[in-house]
Amino acid sequence: MKIKMADASETCFNTVFGALLVAEAELKQKNLDPNILRATFDELVSLSRQVCNRHFTTNRRARHHFITGPYFSIVQRSVSRWYKSLYRRMSFRCGVRHPWRVILQDNFSVELFSIIKDIVNRTGYGVHVEEAGHTTVMAFFSKIRIRNLFADLMGQEIEDFFLRKGKGLKKVQVIVDRDKQFCIKYNARKEEISFEFYYGMWNEHGWPQHV
């Protein structure tokens, strides 16, 4: 029998909480400062609740709300605006300057970008992060990973990730792999964020037109 996600979150927390109580009891026997010990375990209990909720809840907004706090709505609006702008730039006609490529730049504060970076750095799956001086580059080579990042930051599920349909069965869609990575670059000195990715076009017969 499968456990509902909400119940699973509570089961996870209760199990961790029980283990924390045992650990606290053992540490009390080691003559540690009781006030510091109490404050430590209060924080651990709070964090364990948040982590269990983040991994087991189906609510995208709730998953990272405890990280972003009051700034979530600002990040959410910015990411939603970027997504729409990037989507509109996926043209059915091959560009001359940047063929089958989308590039977008925008101003974004260091404090807000740190929220995105913290979420990305939670796991190295599907992304390579490199920092040099004032510049941070996140190169995603997994479409699932970059899709989930946008979904988490926008607080909603995304079924057709950067998929734009034309007349008949024509379509343009983002391409993300190790050769054509989805890159997010941030310059802390200029407080500027930029996006760059490749996409392809398929005709009504399913034949690629971008190669």
Foldseek 3Di string as FASTA:
>chain_A
DDDALVVQLVVQLVVVLVVLVVVLVVVVVVPDDPVVSVVVSVVVSVVSSLCSCLVRPPFLQSNLCVVCPPCLVVLLVVLVVVQVVQLVPQDPDADDVHGQKGKDKDAAAPVSVVSLVVVCVPDPPQWDWDDDDQKIKIWGQDPVVVQSSSCSSNRHHDDQRSWDADPARKIKHFHHHPVWTWMWMAGNVRNMIMTMTGMWIADNVRHTPRD
